[in-house]
C-alpha atoms as a PDB file:
ATOM      1  CA  MET A   1     -18.717  -0.387 -28.985  1.00  0.00           C
ATOM      2  CA  VAL A   2     -16.559  -2.833 -27.029  1.00  0.00           C
ATOM      3  CA  THR A   3     -17.634  -3.433 -23.442  1.00  0.00           C
ATOM      4  CA  ALA A   4     -15.167  -3.623 -20.570  1.00  0.00           C
ATOM      5  CA  ASP A   5     -15.787  -7.377 -20.193  1.00  0.00           C
ATOM      6  CA  GLU A   6     -15.009  -7.990 -23.868  1.00  0.00           C
ATOM      7  CA  GLU A   7     -11.861  -5.881 -23.620  1.00  0.00           C
ATOM      8  CA  VAL A   8     -10.607  -7.849 -20.606  1.00  0.00           C
ATOM      9  CA  ASP A   9     -11.426 -11.161 -22.325  1.00  0.00           C
ATOM     10  CA  GLU A  10      -9.565 -10.037 -25.445  1.00  0.00           C
ATOM     11  CA  THR A  11      -6.514  -8.969 -23.430  1.00  0.00           C
ATOM     12  CA  THR A  12      -6.436 -12.105 -21.282  1.00  0.00           C
ATOM     13  CA  GLU A  13      -6.450 -14.298 -24.389  1.00  0.00           C
ATOM     14  CA  GLN A  14      -3.246 -12.695 -25.679  1.00  0.00           C
ATOM     15  CA  PRO A  15       0.039 -14.559 -25.120  1.00  0.00           C
ATOM     16  CA  GLN A  16       1.441 -13.815 -21.684  1.00  0.00           C
ATOM     17  CA  SER A  17       4.428 -14.693 -19.628  1.00  0.00           C
ATOM     18  CA  PRO A  18       4.317 -18.173 -18.055  1.00  0.00           C
ATOM     19  CA  GLU A  19       4.279 -16.682 -14.548  1.00  0.00           C
ATOM     20  CA  ILE A  20       0.744 -15.397 -15.112  1.00  0.00           C
ATOM     21  CA  ASP A  21      -1.042 -18.686 -14.740  1.00  0.00           C
ATOM     22  CA  SER A  22      -4.613 -17.395 -14.580  1.00  0.00           C
ATOM     23  CA  LYS A  23      -6.685 -14.427 -15.623  1.00  0.00           C
ATOM     24  CA  TYR A  24      -7.391 -13.784 -11.937  1.00  0.00           C
ATOM     25  CA  ARG A  25      -3.687 -13.216 -11.239  1.00  0.00           C
ATOM     26  CA  LEU A  26      -3.578 -10.930 -14.276  1.00  0.00           C
ATOM     27  CA  ILE A  27      -6.478  -8.853 -12.970  1.00  0.00           C
ATOM     28  CA  ILE A  28      -5.014  -8.596  -9.442  1.00  0.00           C
ATOM     29  CA  LEU A  29      -1.636  -7.461 -10.799  1.00  0.00           C
ATOM     30  CA  ALA A  30      -3.255  -4.951 -13.134  1.00  0.00           C
ATOM     31  CA  ALA A  31      -5.412  -3.567 -10.304  1.00  0.00           C
ATOM     32  CA  LYS A  32      -2.389  -3.020  -8.056  1.00  0.00           C
ATOM     33  CA  ARG A  33      -0.429  -1.421 -10.886  1.00  0.00           C
ATOM     34  CA  SER A  34      -3.423   0.762 -11.774  1.00  0.00           C
ATOM     35  CA  LYS A  35      -3.420   2.150  -8.224  1.00  0.00           C
ATOM     36  CA  GLN A  36       0.259   3.017  -8.600  1.00  0.00           C
ATOM     37  CA  LEU A  37      -0.466   4.825 -11.863  1.00  0.00           C
ATOM     38  CA  GLN A  38      -3.348   6.732 -10.280  1.00  0.00           C
ATOM     39  CA  ARG A  39      -1.008   7.845  -7.500  1.00  0.00           C
ATOM     40  CA  GLY A  40       1.460   9.310  -9.993  1.00  0.00           C
ATOM     41  CA  ALA A  41       3.682   6.475 -11.233  1.00  0.00           C
ATOM     42  CA  ARG A  42       4.813   6.775 -14.834  1.00  0.00           C
ATOM     43  CA  PRO A  43       3.727   4.193 -17.430  1.00  0.00           C
ATOM     44  CA  ARG A  44       6.359   1.573 -18.300  1.00  0.00           C
ATOM     45  CA  ILE A  45       5.150   1.281 -21.881  1.00  0.00           C
ATOM     46  CA  GLU A  46       4.913   3.783 -24.728  1.00  0.00           C
ATOM     47  CA  ILE A  47       1.312   4.962 -24.460  1.00  0.00           C
ATOM     48  CA  ASP A  48      -0.433   8.316 -24.199  1.00  0.00           C
ATOM     49  CA  PRO A  49      -1.792   8.552 -20.616  1.00  0.00           C
ATOM     50  CA  ALA A  50      -4.156  11.315 -21.721  1.00  0.00           C
ATOM     51  CA  LYS A  51      -5.921   8.935 -24.121  1.00  0.00           C
ATOM     52  CA  HIS A  52      -5.947   5.771 -21.993  1.00  0.00           C
ATOM     53  CA  LYS A  53      -7.208   5.141 -18.474  1.00  0.00           C
ATOM     54  CA  PRO A  54      -4.788   3.831 -15.814  1.00  0.00           C
ATOM     55  CA  THR A  55      -6.566   0.462 -15.781  1.00  0.00           C
ATOM     56  CA  ARG A  56      -5.960  -0.088 -19.501  1.00  0.00           C
ATOM     57  CA  ILE A  57      -2.336   1.022 -19.214  1.00  0.00           C
ATOM     58  CA  ALA A  58      -1.772  -1.313 -16.258  1.00  0.00           C
ATOM     59  CA  LEU A  59      -3.334  -4.262 -18.076  1.00  0.00           C
ATOM     60  CA  GLU A  60      -1.088  -3.701 -21.098  1.00  0.00           C
ATOM     61  CA  GLU A  61       1.987  -3.407 -18.861  1.00  0.00           C
ATOM     62  CA  VAL A  62       1.227  -6.726 -17.180  1.00  0.00           C
ATOM     63  CA  VAL A  63       0.543  -8.527 -20.473  1.00  0.00           C
ATOM     64  CA  GLN A  64       3.794  -7.181 -21.944  1.00  0.00           C
ATOM     65  CA  GLY A  65       5.763  -8.376 -18.904  1.00  0.00           C
ATOM     66  CA  LYS A  66       6.720  -4.892 -17.701  1.00  0.00           C
ATOM     67  CA  VAL A  67       5.356  -5.458 -14.175  1.00  0.00           C
ATOM     68  CA  LEU A  68       7.610  -7.604 -12.014  1.00  0.00           C
ATOM     69  CA  PHE A  69       6.102  -9.759  -9.274  1.00  0.00           C
ATOM     70  CA  HIS A  70       6.738 -12.896  -7.286  1.00  0.00           C
ATOM     71  CA  THR A  71       4.428 -15.459  -5.768  1.00  0.00           C
ATOM     72  CA  THR A  72       4.635 -17.192  -2.429  1.00  0.00           C
ATOM     73  CA  GLN A  73       3.402 -20.603  -1.444  1.00  0.00           C
ATOM     74  CA  ASP A  74       1.404 -21.196   1.726  1.00  0.00           C
ATOM     75  CA  GLY A  75       3.818 -21.258   4.629  1.00  0.00           C
ATOM     76  CA  ASP A  76       6.612 -19.473   2.727  1.00  0.00           C
ATOM     77  CA  GLU A  77       6.045 -16.191   4.506  1.00  0.00           C
ATOM     78  CA  GLU A  78       8.074 -15.385   7.568  1.00  0.00           C
ATOM     79  CA  PRO A  79       6.012 -15.128  10.755  1.00  0.00           C
ATOM     80  CA  ALA A  80       5.470 -11.611  12.046  1.00  0.00           C
ATOM     81  CA  LYS A  81       7.795 -10.605  14.859  1.00  0.00           C
ATOM     82  CA  GLU A  82       6.089  -9.752  18.098  1.00  0.00           C
ATOM     83  CA  SER A  83       7.260  -6.730  20.053  1.00  0.00           C
END
């Protein structure tokens, strides 16, 4: 039986888009996407949601480049407007 750690290691070793520069970014993106799936979003890949958990679906979506994201550098964010 494959453990969750082995499954994540196997998935993170697969070729990925160059924007995903670390396995930590991959995990953060997959976690956020998993929450969306749990709240009712539809999978962006062909997979049976009844057979796979949202976390696995999200991880596959990120690895396949189906989840769009952008990164910001320190100081790139606009300051919050005060009321």
